[in-house]
Amino acid sequence: MAGRIPDFFIVGHAKSGTTALYELLGQHPGLFLPEYKKGAGKEPWYFAREHPHPQTNGERNIAYTGRTVQTLEDYLSLFADAREDQLVGEASTSYIWSRTAAQRIAQARPDAKIVALFREPASFLRSLHLQLLQNHHEVERDFRKAVELDAARRENREIPPQSYWPQALIYTDRVQYVTQLERYKAVFGDEQILVLIYDDWRADNLATARRVLRFLGVDDELELRTADVNPTVGVRSVRVDDFRRSLRAGRSPVLRAVRDAGKSVTTLGMRKRLYYPLVRRAVFGAPPPPDERFNRELRRRFKGEVAALSEYLGRDLVSLWGYDRLD
C-alpha cells in the first residue's frame, strides 16, 4: 500500500471525550492527527464501512455504513502530510461498536495501538441520543421512546430515511462494552490496548492525555492546552434546523436564490457576528433535564454489563458509577 496506515487508533464511544482527547493529542509535535473536515479527518470510518450502500436486493440495508464509498487512496491521503518522525493516529467512534473494524484494522496494521474510552451507560446513551438528534440521524425526540424502538430497528423498521448508519440508532447494542473490548483483545492482545474511563478524563484532562502519550511512547512532559469541545446540547426546533440545513445546501431553486441573495448583501464577517449566532440560539439550547425514572430503569438494565466490565478491567466501576446504590 502506498501510504501510511495509522500507528494508533482512538476507538472510544461518542460523547465520551474522544473529540477533546483527539484535539489535545493533536497539539503534540510527535503525533500527526489529520485536522477535522467533513467526511474526513476525525471520524473517517474507513475500517467500519463494510456496506456503503443503502439498498441490498431492493431492501434497505440495516448495516448501511456511510453515504459514500471511501477508497484506500482517499483514506491514506489523510496522513500524507505526516513527517517520518511522527506517529500517525486517527479517531472513529464507530470502530468500537462495529463488528468488523477490529479485525480489519488488525489485518492492515497488526502492531497498531488502540485507545478505547467508556462512559457510564445511562448518561452515555442520553448524550448520544441528543447528539443524534442534533445531526438529524435520529427523529424521535423522546429518549425513552427512541430506546424502545431498538427491537423494531433490529428488524429494519422505524429507521429514518436520512439515516446514514442505521445500526447507530440501536441504543442498547452500543452498551456491549466487554464484547466490544474482546473483539480488540482477540486480534491485538492486552499490551496494545489502553482503556480509559470518561470520569478520569473529566476529572483531569491533562493527566489522562499524558497517560495516553506514555502508552504511545512519546514525550509526555510537553505543555498541552485543554478546551471544552463537542458539548451536549438540546435541539429547540427540528423544523428550524431542517430549514437552516436546506438553505445552506440550496436544496431547491428557491432556497438557492434566497441563500445567494443573502450572501450578496452581507459579508462573511457580518454573518459570523449576527446571523450564525442568532440561528444557533434559535435551534440549540441547554439539554432538557434527564428523566430520572427512566435513568434508573436503564441503570438497572445495564448493571450486569457494568459488573462484567469491572471484572474485565479489574476496577470497581459498579461503585464509581453508583450502581451499588440502586434502589
C-alpha atoms as a PDB file:
ATOM      1  CA  MET A   1       0.000   0.000   0.000  1.00  0.00           C
ATOM      2  CA  ALA A   2       1.330   3.421  -0.942  1.00  0.00           C
ATOM      3  CA  GLY A   3       0.944   5.500   2.197  1.00  0.00           C
ATOM      4  CA  ARG A   4       0.861   5.110   5.960  1.00  0.00           C
ATOM      5  CA  ILE A   5      -1.729   3.187   7.905  1.00  0.00           C
ATOM      6  CA  PRO A   6      -2.047   4.875  11.338  1.00  0.00           C
ATOM      7  CA  ASP A   7       0.120   3.744  14.216  1.00  0.00           C
ATOM      8  CA  PHE A   8      -2.714   4.186  16.715  1.00  0.00           C
ATOM      9  CA  PHE A   9      -6.498   4.406  16.748  1.00  0.00           C
ATOM     10  CA  ILE A  10      -8.831   6.139  19.198  1.00  0.00           C
ATOM     11  CA  VAL A  11     -11.877   3.883  19.128  1.00  0.00           C
ATOM     12  CA  GLY A  12     -13.800   5.109  22.175  1.00  0.00           C
ATOM     13  CA  HIS A  13     -17.509   5.815  22.176  1.00  0.00           C
ATOM     14  CA  ALA A  14     -19.056   9.100  21.076  1.00  0.00           C
ATOM     15  CA  LYS A  15     -19.811  11.634  23.838  1.00  0.00           C
ATOM     16  CA  SER A  16     -17.094  10.069  25.976  1.00  0.00           C
ATOM     17  CA  GLY A  17     -14.245  12.536  25.487  1.00  0.00           C
ATOM     18  CA  THR A  18     -12.939  11.285  22.142  1.00  0.00           C
ATOM     19  CA  THR A  19     -13.044  14.655  20.378  1.00  0.00           C
ATOM     20  CA  ALA A  20     -11.359  16.516  23.232  1.00  0.00           C
ATOM     21  CA  LEU A  21      -8.669  13.841  23.534  1.00  0.00           C
ATOM     22  CA  TYR A  22      -8.119  13.939  19.773  1.00  0.00           C
ATOM     23  CA  GLU A  23      -7.615  17.707  19.780  1.00  0.00           C
ATOM     24  CA  LEU A  24      -5.364  17.589  22.824  1.00  0.00           C
ATOM     25  CA  LEU A  25      -3.133  14.900  21.322  1.00  0.00           C
ATOM     26  CA  GLY A  26      -3.074  16.829  18.066  1.00  0.00           C
ATOM     27  CA  GLN A  27      -1.018  19.538  19.801  1.00  0.00           C
ATOM     28  CA  HIS A  28       1.883  17.133  20.363  1.00  0.00           C
ATOM     29  CA  PRO A  29       4.690  17.616  17.810  1.00  0.00           C
ATOM     30  CA  GLY A  30       5.486  13.910  17.835  1.00  0.00           C
ATOM     31  CA  LEU A  31       1.988  12.962  16.719  1.00  0.00           C
ATOM     32  CA  PHE A  32       0.087  13.561  13.494  1.00  0.00           C
ATOM     33  CA  LEU A  33      -3.702  13.530  13.565  1.00  0.00           C
ATOM     34  CA  PRO A  34      -5.458  14.959  10.500  1.00  0.00           C
ATOM     35  CA  GLU A  35      -7.484  18.100  11.006  1.00  0.00           C
ATOM     36  CA  TYR A  36     -11.219  17.590  11.126  1.00  0.00           C
ATOM     37  CA  LYS A  37     -13.069  18.254   7.892  1.00  0.00           C
ATOM     38  CA  LYS A  38     -16.407  16.987   6.645  1.00  0.00           C
ATOM     39  CA  GLY A  39     -16.159  13.348   5.661  1.00  0.00           C
ATOM     40  CA  ALA A  40     -12.504  13.075   6.688  1.00  0.00           C
ATOM     41  CA  GLY A  41     -10.018  13.818   9.428  1.00  0.00           C
ATOM     42  CA  LYS A  42     -11.528  12.753  12.716  1.00  0.00           C
ATOM     43  CA  GLU A  43     -14.149  10.085  12.060  1.00  0.00           C
ATOM     44  CA  PRO A  44     -13.035   8.790   8.646  1.00  0.00           C
ATOM     45  CA  TRP A  45     -14.801   5.463   9.483  1.00  0.00           C
ATOM     46  CA  TYR A  46     -12.707   3.673   6.860  1.00  0.00           C
ATOM     47  CA  PHE A  47     -12.409   0.341   8.686  1.00  0.00           C
ATOM     48  CA  ALA A  48     -16.118   0.258   9.545  1.00  0.00           C
ATOM     49  CA  ARG A  49     -17.510   0.942   6.069  1.00  0.00           C
ATOM     50  CA  GLU A  50     -18.332  -2.626   5.173  1.00  0.00           C
ATOM     51  CA  HIS A  51     -21.669  -1.816   3.478  1.00  0.00           C
ATOM     52  CA  PRO A  52     -21.544   1.664   1.908  1.00  0.00           C
ATOM     53  CA  HIS A  53     -24.889   1.326   0.114  1.00  0.00           C
ATOM     54  CA  PRO A  54     -28.425   1.913   1.446  1.00  0.00           C
ATOM     55  CA  GLN A  55     -30.096  -0.888  -0.538  1.00  0.00           C
ATOM     56  CA  THR A  56     -29.482  -4.631  -0.704  1.00  0.00           C
ATOM     57  CA  ASN A  57     -31.594  -6.604  -3.216  1.00  0.00           C
ATOM     58  CA  GLY A  58     -34.109  -3.778  -3.260  1.00  0.00           C
ATOM     59  CA  GLU A  59     -34.459  -3.642   0.544  1.00  0.00           C
ATOM     60  CA  ARG A  60     -32.964  -1.138   2.956  1.00  0.00           C
ATOM     61  CA  ASN A  61     -29.719  -2.430   4.456  1.00  0.00           C
ATOM     62  CA  ILE A  62     -29.573  -2.220   8.259  1.00  0.00           C
ATOM     63  CA  ALA A  63     -25.758  -2.383   8.057  1.00  0.00           C
ATOM     64  CA  TYR A  64     -25.553   0.627   5.729  1.00  0.00           C
ATOM     65  CA  THR A  65     -22.412   2.473   6.817  1.00  0.00           C
ATOM     66  CA  GLY A  66     -21.916   5.892   5.286  1.00  0.00           C
ATOM     67  CA  ARG A  67     -23.323   7.716   2.303  1.00  0.00           C
ATOM     68  CA  THR A  68     -20.289   7.259   0.088  1.00  0.00           C
ATOM     69  CA  VAL A  69     -17.537   4.777  -0.578  1.00  0.00           C
ATOM     70  CA  GLN A  70     -14.099   5.771   0.742  1.00  0.00           C
ATOM     71  CA  THR A  71     -11.216   4.289  -1.210  1.00  0.00           C
ATOM     72  CA  LEU A  72      -7.956   3.255   0.377  1.00  0.00           C
ATOM     73  CA  GLU A  73      -6.258   6.074  -1.526  1.00  0.00           C
ATOM     74  CA  ASP A  74      -8.737   8.575  -0.063  1.00  0.00           C
ATOM     75  CA  TYR A  75      -8.063   7.252   3.416  1.00  0.00           C
ATOM     76  CA  LEU A  76      -4.275   7.240   3.129  1.00  0.00           C
ATOM     77  CA  SER A  77      -4.320  10.774   1.746  1.00  0.00           C
ATOM     78  CA  LEU A  78      -5.456  11.992   5.180  1.00  0.00           C
ATOM     79  CA  PHE A  79      -1.993  11.176   6.533  1.00  0.00           C
ATOM     80  CA  ALA A  80       0.117  12.289   3.567  1.00  0.00           C
ATOM     81  CA  ASP A  81       1.460  15.354   5.415  1.00  0.00           C
ATOM     82  CA  ALA A  82       2.814  13.398   8.378  1.00  0.00           C
ATOM     83  CA  ARG A  83       6.567  13.561   8.944  1.00  0.00           C
ATOM     84  CA  GLU A  84       8.561  10.357   9.133  1.00  0.00           C
ATOM     85  CA  ASP A  85       9.408  11.042  12.775  1.00  0.00           C
ATOM     86  CA  GLN A  86       5.758  11.391  13.794  1.00  0.00           C
ATOM     87  CA  LEU A  87       3.332   8.719  14.928  1.00  0.00           C
ATOM     88  CA  VAL A  88       0.124   8.811  12.921  1.00  0.00           C
ATOM     89  CA  GLY A  89      -3.292   8.394  14.515  1.00  0.00           C
ATOM     90  CA  GLU A  90      -6.985   8.704  13.798  1.00  0.00           C
ATOM     91  CA  ALA A  91     -10.252   8.521  15.753  1.00  0.00           C
ATOM     92  CA  SER A  92     -13.512   6.947  14.630  1.00  0.00           C
ATOM     93  CA  THR A  93     -16.100   6.233  17.308  1.00  0.00           C
ATOM     94  CA  SER A  94     -17.777   3.639  15.084  1.00  0.00           C
ATOM     95  CA  TYR A  95     -14.748   1.365  15.427  1.00  0.00           C
ATOM     96  CA  ILE A  96     -15.661   0.397  18.986  1.00  0.00           C
ATOM     97  CA  TRP A  97     -19.140  -0.907  18.177  1.00  0.00           C
ATOM     98  CA  SER A  98     -18.537  -2.094  14.607  1.00  0.00           C
ATOM     99  CA  ARG A  99     -18.486  -5.880  14.419  1.00  0.00           C
ATOM    100  CA  THR A 100     -15.745  -5.888  11.795  1.00  0.00           C
ATOM    101  CA  ALA A 101     -13.493  -2.873  12.428  1.00  0.00           C
ATOM    102  CA  ALA A 102     -11.141  -4.551  14.923  1.00  0.00           C
ATOM    103  CA  GLN A 103     -10.360  -7.402  12.540  1.00  0.00           C
ATOM    104  CA  ARG A 104      -9.950  -5.073   9.564  1.00  0.00           C
ATOM    105  CA  ILE A 105      -7.608  -2.740  11.478  1.00  0.00           C
ATOM    106  CA  ALA A 106      -5.521  -5.716  12.618  1.00  0.00           C
ATOM    107  CA  GLN A 107      -5.214  -7.005   9.056  1.00  0.00           C
ATOM    108  CA  ALA A 108      -3.946  -3.619   7.883  1.00  0.00           C
ATOM    109  CA  ARG A 109      -1.801  -2.761  10.922  1.00  0.00           C
ATOM    110  CA  PRO A 110      -1.271  -5.678  13.350  1.00  0.00           C
ATOM    111  CA  ASP A 111       1.086  -3.650  15.558  1.00  0.00           C
ATOM    112  CA  ALA A 112      -1.332  -0.730  15.987  1.00  0.00           C
ATOM    113  CA  LYS A 113      -2.094   0.622  19.446  1.00  0.00           C
ATOM    114  CA  ILE A 114      -5.728   1.042  20.462  1.00  0.00           C
ATOM    115  CA  VAL A 115      -7.166   3.657  22.837  1.00  0.00           C
ATOM    116  CA  ALA A 116     -10.746   2.969  23.963  1.00  0.00           C
ATOM    117  CA  LEU A 117     -12.950   5.265  26.073  1.00  0.00           C
ATOM    118  CA  PHE A 118     -16.039   4.218  28.020  1.00  0.00           C
ATOM    119  CA  ARG A 119     -18.694   6.161  29.903  1.00  0.00           C
ATOM    120  CA  GLU A 120     -21.405   5.209  32.407  1.00  0.00           C
ATOM    121  CA  PRO A 121     -24.066   3.627  30.152  1.00  0.00           C
ATOM    122  CA  ALA A 122     -27.218   5.608  31.014  1.00  0.00           C
ATOM    123  CA  SER A 123     -25.563   9.039  30.738  1.00  0.00           C
ATOM    124  CA  PHE A 124     -23.734   7.927  27.599  1.00  0.00           C
ATOM    125  CA  LEU A 125     -26.936   6.886  25.831  1.00  0.00           C
ATOM    126  CA  ARG A 126     -28.762  10.071  26.826  1.00  0.00           C
ATOM    127  CA  SER A 127     -25.930  12.238  25.457  1.00  0.00           C
ATOM    128  CA  LEU A 128     -25.738  10.056  22.357  1.00  0.00           C
ATOM    129  CA  HIS A 129     -29.462  10.493  21.713  1.00  0.00           C
ATOM    130  CA  LEU A 130     -29.117  14.285  21.911  1.00  0.00           C
ATOM    131  CA  GLN A 131     -26.146  14.163  19.543  1.00  0.00           C
ATOM    132  CA  LEU A 132     -28.029  12.015  17.023  1.00  0.00           C
ATOM    133  CA  LEU A 133     -30.940  14.456  17.161  1.00  0.00           C
ATOM    134  CA  GLN A 134     -28.554  17.352  16.590  1.00  0.00           C
ATOM    135  CA  ASN A 135     -27.071  15.790  13.448  1.00  0.00           C
ATOM    136  CA  HIS A 136     -30.528  14.675  12.209  1.00  0.00           C
ATOM    137  CA  HIS A 137     -29.625  10.996  12.366  1.00  0.00           C
ATOM    138  CA  GLU A 138     -32.448  10.457  14.880  1.00  0.00           C
ATOM    139  CA  VAL A 139     -36.010  11.834  14.593  1.00  0.00           C
ATOM    140  CA  GLU A 140     -37.600  10.538  17.805  1.00  0.00           C
ATOM    141  CA  ARG A 141     -37.129  13.350  20.321  1.00  0.00           C
ATOM    142  CA  ASP A 142     -38.300  11.396  23.359  1.00  0.00           C
ATOM    143  CA  PHE A 143     -35.322   9.456  24.720  1.00  0.00           C
ATOM    144  CA  ARG A 144     -37.415   6.660  26.252  1.00  0.00           C
ATOM    145  CA  LYS A 145     -39.349   6.153  23.018  1.00  0.00           C
ATOM    146  CA  ALA A 146     -36.125   6.175  20.988  1.00  0.00           C
ATOM    147  CA  VAL A 147     -34.651   3.379  23.115  1.00  0.00           C
ATOM    148  CA  GLU A 148     -37.922   1.444  22.899  1.00  0.00           C
ATOM    149  CA  LEU A 149     -37.515   1.429  19.102  1.00  0.00           C
ATOM    150  CA  ASP A 150     -34.423  -0.793  19.384  1.00  0.00           C
ATOM    151  CA  ALA A 151     -36.308  -4.039  18.728  1.00  0.00           C
ATOM    152  CA  ALA A 152     -38.053  -2.639  15.656  1.00  0.00           C
ATOM    153  CA  ARG A 153     -34.844  -1.180  14.303  1.00  0.00           C
ATOM    154  CA  ARG A 154     -33.045  -4.507  14.615  1.00  0.00           C
ATOM    155  CA  GLU A 155     -35.729  -5.775  12.231  1.00  0.00           C
ATOM    156  CA  ASN A 156     -35.031  -2.922   9.831  1.00  0.00           C
ATOM    157  CA  ARG A 157     -38.150  -0.969  10.826  1.00  0.00           C
ATOM    158  CA  GLU A 158     -38.659   2.565  12.192  1.00  0.00           C
ATOM    159  CA  ILE A 159     -35.417   3.783  10.624  1.00  0.00           C
ATOM    160  CA  PRO A 160     -35.452   7.435   9.500  1.00  0.00           C
ATOM    161  CA  PRO A 161     -34.979   7.759   5.732  1.00  0.00           C
ATOM    162  CA  GLN A 162     -31.992  10.082   6.162  1.00  0.00           C
ATOM    163  CA  SER A 163     -30.166   7.681   8.462  1.00  0.00           C
ATOM    164  CA  TYR A 164     -26.722   7.028   7.013  1.00  0.00           C
ATOM    165  CA  TRP A 165     -25.834   4.458   9.683  1.00  0.00           C
ATOM    166  CA  PRO A 166     -28.928   2.572  10.933  1.00  0.00           C
ATOM    167  CA  GLN A 167     -27.015   0.440  13.443  1.00  0.00           C
ATOM    168  CA  ALA A 168     -26.016   3.631  15.258  1.00  0.00           C
ATOM    169  CA  LEU A 169     -29.662   4.058  16.271  1.00  0.00           C
ATOM    170  CA  ILE A 170     -29.892   0.761  18.161  1.00  0.00           C
ATOM    171  CA  TYR A 171     -29.002   2.275  21.501  1.00  0.00           C
ATOM    172  CA  THR A 172     -28.740  -0.704  23.821  1.00  0.00           C
ATOM    173  CA  ASP A 173     -26.447  -2.530  21.397  1.00  0.00           C
ATOM    174  CA  ARG A 174     -23.948   0.269  21.949  1.00  0.00           C
ATOM    175  CA  VAL A 175     -23.545  -0.758  25.604  1.00  0.00           C
ATOM    176  CA  GLN A 176     -21.960  -4.149  24.993  1.00  0.00           C
ATOM    177  CA  TYR A 177     -18.684  -2.932  26.427  1.00  0.00           C
ATOM    178  CA  VAL A 178     -16.988  -6.237  27.222  1.00  0.00           C
ATOM    179  CA  THR A 179     -17.944  -7.766  23.873  1.00  0.00           C
ATOM    180  CA  GLN A 180     -16.515  -4.704  22.134  1.00  0.00           C
ATOM    181  CA  LEU A 181     -13.239  -4.954  24.035  1.00  0.00           C
ATOM    182  CA  GLU A 182     -12.997  -8.685  23.408  1.00  0.00           C
ATOM    183  CA  ARG A 183     -13.013  -8.070  19.645  1.00  0.00           C
ATOM    184  CA  TYR A 184      -9.866  -5.966  20.018  1.00  0.00           C
ATOM    185  CA  LYS A 185      -8.206  -8.229  22.556  1.00  0.00           C
ATOM    186  CA  ALA A 186      -8.671 -11.187  20.200  1.00  0.00           C
ATOM    187  CA  VAL A 187      -6.571  -9.571  17.481  1.00  0.00           C
ATOM    188  CA  PHE A 188      -4.255  -7.189  19.375  1.00  0.00           C
ATOM    189  CA  GLY A 189      -3.757  -8.526  22.903  1.00  0.00           C
ATOM    190  CA  ASP A 190      -3.792  -6.586  26.167  1.00  0.00           C
ATOM    191  CA  GLU A 191      -0.424  -4.862  25.637  1.00  0.00           C
ATOM    192  CA  GLN A 192      -1.657  -2.923  22.612  1.00  0.00           C
ATOM    193  CA  ILE A 193      -4.903  -1.720  24.197  1.00  0.00           C
ATOM    194  CA  LEU A 194      -5.365   1.187  26.629  1.00  0.00           C
ATOM    195  CA  VAL A 195      -8.833   1.532  28.195  1.00  0.00           C
ATOM    196  CA  LEU A 196      -9.830   4.935  29.589  1.00  0.00           C
ATOM    197  CA  ILE A 197     -12.839   5.835  31.727  1.00  0.00           C
ATOM    198  CA  TYR A 198     -14.693   9.068  30.989  1.00  0.00           C
ATOM    199  CA  ASP A 199     -14.781  10.037  34.689  1.00  0.00           C
ATOM    200  CA  ASP A 200     -10.966  10.095  34.802  1.00  0.00           C
ATOM    201  CA  TRP A 201     -10.875  12.214  31.668  1.00  0.00           C
ATOM    202  CA  ARG A 202     -13.359  14.736  33.080  1.00  0.00           C
ATOM    203  CA  ALA A 203     -11.516  14.867  36.400  1.00  0.00           C
ATOM    204  CA  ASP A 204      -8.105  15.587  34.840  1.00  0.00           C
ATOM    205  CA  ASN A 205      -7.754  16.012  31.076  1.00  0.00           C
ATOM    206  CA  LEU A 206      -4.016  16.548  31.156  1.00  0.00           C
ATOM    207  CA  ALA A 207      -3.199  13.576  33.373  1.00  0.00           C
ATOM    208  CA  THR A 208      -5.273  11.297  31.161  1.00  0.00           C
ATOM    209  CA  ALA A 209      -3.696  12.685  27.986  1.00  0.00           C
ATOM    210  CA  ARG A 210      -0.210  12.125  29.423  1.00  0.00           C
ATOM    211  CA  ARG A 211      -1.173   8.546  30.202  1.00  0.00           C
ATOM    212  CA  VAL A 212      -2.017   8.125  26.519  1.00  0.00           C
ATOM    213  CA  LEU A 213       1.276   9.739  25.482  1.00  0.00           C
ATOM    214  CA  ARG A 214       3.219   7.301  27.658  1.00  0.00           C
ATOM    215  CA  PHE A 215       1.254   4.420  26.174  1.00  0.00           C
ATOM    216  CA  LEU A 216       2.209   5.644  22.688  1.00  0.00           C
ATOM    217  CA  GLY A 217       5.847   6.035  23.706  1.00  0.00           C
ATOM    218  CA  VAL A 218       6.243   9.782  23.136  1.00  0.00           C
ATOM    219  CA  ASP A 219       7.298  12.634  25.418  1.00  0.00           C
ATOM    220  CA  ASP A 220       4.565  13.229  27.998  1.00  0.00           C
ATOM    221  CA  GLU A 221       6.100  16.325  29.618  1.00  0.00           C
ATOM    222  CA  LEU A 222       5.128  18.857  26.946  1.00  0.00           C
ATOM    223  CA  GLU A 223       2.647  21.614  27.783  1.00  0.00           C
ATOM    224  CA  LEU A 224      -0.795  20.984  26.292  1.00  0.00           C
ATOM    225  CA  ARG A 225      -3.871  23.257  26.319  1.00  0.00           C
ATOM    226  CA  THR A 226      -7.260  21.865  27.239  1.00  0.00           C
ATOM    227  CA  ALA A 227     -10.579  23.019  25.778  1.00  0.00           C
ATOM    228  CA  ASP A 228     -14.245  22.039  26.114  1.00  0.00           C
ATOM    229  CA  VAL A 229     -15.294  20.695  22.725  1.00  0.00           C
ATOM    230  CA  ASN A 230     -18.413  18.986  21.389  1.00  0.00           C
ATOM    231  CA  PRO A 231     -20.633  19.835  24.392  1.00  0.00           C
ATOM    232  CA  THR A 232     -24.029  18.178  24.724  1.00  0.00           C
ATOM    233  CA  VAL A 233     -26.849  20.479  23.618  1.00  0.00           C
ATOM    234  CA  GLY A 234     -30.575  20.240  23.123  1.00  0.00           C
ATOM    235  CA  VAL A 235     -32.367  20.862  19.819  1.00  0.00           C
ATOM    236  CA  ARG A 236     -35.042  23.536  20.307  1.00  0.00           C
ATOM    237  CA  SER A 237     -36.645  23.212  16.881  1.00  0.00           C
ATOM    238  CA  VAL A 238     -36.081  20.424  14.396  1.00  0.00           C
ATOM    239  CA  ARG A 239     -38.089  22.312  11.765  1.00  0.00           C
ATOM    240  CA  VAL A 240     -35.940  25.444  12.062  1.00  0.00           C
ATOM    241  CA  ASP A 241     -32.803  23.326  11.867  1.00  0.00           C
ATOM    242  CA  ASP A 242     -34.163  21.465   8.826  1.00  0.00           C
ATOM    243  CA  PHE A 243     -34.782  24.812   7.131  1.00  0.00           C
ATOM    244  CA  ARG A 244     -31.301  26.054   8.080  1.00  0.00           C
ATOM    245  CA  ARG A 245     -29.675  22.969   6.562  1.00  0.00           C
ATOM    246  CA  SER A 246     -31.819  23.121   3.439  1.00  0.00           C
ATOM    247  CA  LEU A 247     -30.999  26.799   2.977  1.00  0.00           C
ATOM    248  CA  ARG A 248     -27.279  26.236   3.441  1.00  0.00           C
ATOM    249  CA  ALA A 249     -27.300  23.349   0.952  1.00  0.00           C
ATOM    250  CA  GLY A 250     -29.582  25.141  -1.527  1.00  0.00           C
ATOM    251  CA  ARG A 251     -31.817  22.100  -1.865  1.00  0.00           C
ATOM    252  CA  SER A 252     -34.288  23.824  -4.198  1.00  0.00           C
ATOM    253  CA  PRO A 253     -34.096  26.658  -6.746  1.00  0.00           C
ATOM    254  CA  VAL A 254     -35.971  28.979  -4.370  1.00  0.00           C
ATOM    255  CA  LEU A 255     -33.684  28.195  -1.434  1.00  0.00           C
ATOM    256  CA  ARG A 256     -30.594  28.632  -3.603  1.00  0.00           C
ATOM    257  CA  ALA A 257     -31.897  32.021  -4.701  1.00  0.00           C
ATOM    258  CA  VAL A 258     -32.563  33.083  -1.101  1.00  0.00           C
ATOM    259  CA  ARG A 259     -29.142  31.854   0.014  1.00  0.00           C
ATOM    260  CA  ASP A 260     -27.313  33.586  -2.803  1.00  0.00           C
ATOM    261  CA  ALA A 261     -29.269  36.820  -2.287  1.00  0.00           C
ATOM    262  CA  GLY A 262     -28.363  36.810   1.392  1.00  0.00           C
ATOM    263  CA  LYS A 263     -24.700  36.305   0.612  1.00  0.00           C
ATOM    264  CA  SER A 264     -24.765  39.124  -1.947  1.00  0.00           C
ATOM    265  CA  VAL A 265     -25.913  41.738   0.585  1.00  0.00           C
ATOM    266  CA  THR A 266     -23.818  40.591   3.571  1.00  0.00           C
ATOM    267  CA  THR A 267     -20.188  39.890   4.269  1.00  0.00           C
ATOM    268  CA  LEU A 268     -18.831  36.752   5.910  1.00  0.00           C
ATOM    269  CA  GLY A 269     -17.921  38.842   8.946  1.00  0.00           C
ATOM    270  CA  MET A 270     -21.496  40.117   9.253  1.00  0.00           C
ATOM    271  CA  ARG A 271     -22.884  36.613   9.034  1.00  0.00           C
ATOM    272  CA  LYS A 272     -20.469  35.337  11.685  1.00  0.00           C
ATOM    273  CA  ARG A 273     -21.331  38.204  14.069  1.00  0.00           C
ATOM    274  CA  LEU A 274     -25.092  38.319  13.563  1.00  0.00           C
ATOM    275  CA  TYR A 275     -26.733  35.565  11.529  1.00  0.00           C
ATOM    276  CA  TYR A 276     -24.905  32.456  12.732  1.00  0.00           C
ATOM    277  CA  PRO A 277     -25.217  33.224  16.482  1.00  0.00           C
ATOM    278  CA  LEU A 278     -28.913  34.073  16.028  1.00  0.00           C
ATOM    279  CA  VAL A 279     -29.588  30.797  14.246  1.00  0.00           C
ATOM    280  CA  ARG A 280     -27.676  28.792  16.861  1.00  0.00           C
ATOM    281  CA  ARG A 281     -29.766  30.356  19.646  1.00  0.00           C
ATOM    282  CA  ALA A 282     -32.963  29.609  17.724  1.00  0.00           C
ATOM    283  CA  VAL A 283     -32.036  25.986  17.043  1.00  0.00           C
ATOM    284  CA  PHE A 284     -29.947  24.852  20.015  1.00  0.00           C
ATOM    285  CA  GLY A 285     -30.152  25.331  23.749  1.00  0.00           C
ATOM    286  CA  ALA A 286     -29.401  23.652  27.035  1.00  0.00           C
ATOM    287  CA  PRO A 287     -30.209  19.941  27.037  1.00  0.00           C
ATOM    288  CA  PRO A 288     -33.509  19.001  28.680  1.00  0.00           C
ATOM    289  CA  PRO A 289     -33.353  17.644  32.233  1.00  0.00           C
ATOM    290  CA  PRO A 290     -32.936  13.880  32.385  1.00  0.00           C
ATOM    291  CA  ASP A 291     -35.874  11.612  33.098  1.00  0.00           C
ATOM    292  CA  GLU A 292     -34.689  10.260  36.442  1.00  0.00           C
ATOM    293  CA  ARG A 293     -37.161   7.372  36.448  1.00  0.00           C
ATOM    294  CA  PHE A 294     -36.006   6.178  33.040  1.00  0.00           C
ATOM    295  CA  ASN A 295     -32.393   6.752  34.069  1.00  0.00           C
ATOM    296  CA  ARG A 296     -32.860   4.340  36.987  1.00  0.00           C
ATOM    297  CA  GLU A 297     -34.518   1.812  34.676  1.00  0.00           C
ATOM    298  CA  LEU A 298     -31.547   1.943  32.328  1.00  0.00           C
ATOM    299  CA  ARG A 299     -29.062   1.626  35.154  1.00  0.00           C
ATOM    300  CA  ARG A 300     -30.823  -1.476  36.468  1.00  0.00           C
ATOM    301  CA  ARG A 301     -30.842  -2.858  32.943  1.00  0.00           C
ATOM    302  CA  PHE A 302     -27.108  -2.303  32.470  1.00  0.00           C
ATOM    303  CA  LYS A 303     -25.878  -3.274  35.944  1.00  0.00           C
ATOM    304  CA  GLY A 304     -24.763  -6.677  34.698  1.00  0.00           C
ATOM    305  CA  GLU A 305     -22.745  -5.074  31.896  1.00  0.00           C
ATOM    306  CA  VAL A 306     -21.093  -2.666  34.343  1.00  0.00           C
ATOM    307  CA  ALA A 307     -20.226  -5.536  36.687  1.00  0.00           C
ATOM    308  CA  ALA A 308     -18.746  -7.510  33.783  1.00  0.00           C
ATOM    309  CA  LEU A 309     -16.655  -4.516  32.665  1.00  0.00           C
ATOM    310  CA  SER A 310     -15.466  -4.025  36.261  1.00  0.00           C
ATOM    311  CA  GLU A 311     -14.258  -7.597  36.384  1.00  0.00           C
ATOM    312  CA  TYR A 312     -12.717  -7.354  32.917  1.00  0.00           C
ATOM    313  CA  LEU A 313     -10.718  -4.227  33.784  1.00  0.00           C
ATOM    314  CA  GLY A 314     -10.042  -5.099  37.418  1.00  0.00           C
ATOM    315  CA  ARG A 315     -11.626  -1.831  38.546  1.00  0.00           C
ATOM    316  CA  ASP A 316     -14.744  -1.203  40.635  1.00  0.00           C
ATOM    317  CA  LEU A 317     -16.917   0.693  38.187  1.00  0.00           C
ATOM    318  CA  VAL A 318     -20.045  -0.518  39.990  1.00  0.00           C
ATOM    319  CA  SER A 319     -19.193   1.789  42.900  1.00  0.00           C
ATOM    320  CA  LEU A 320     -17.686   4.552  40.767  1.00  0.00           C
ATOM    321  CA  TRP A 321     -20.858   4.834  38.708  1.00  0.00           C
ATOM    322  CA  GLY A 322     -23.222   4.342  41.634  1.00  0.00           C
ATOM    323  CA  TYR A 323     -24.649   1.013  40.549  1.00  0.00           C
ATOM    324  CA  ASP A 324     -24.253  -0.298  44.083  1.00  0.00           C
ATOM    325  CA  ARG A 325     -26.777   2.294  45.295  1.00  0.00           C
ATOM    326  CA  LEU A 326     -29.697   1.415  43.024  1.00  0.00           C
ATOM    327  CA  ASP A 327     -32.955   1.056  44.954  1.00  0.00           C
END
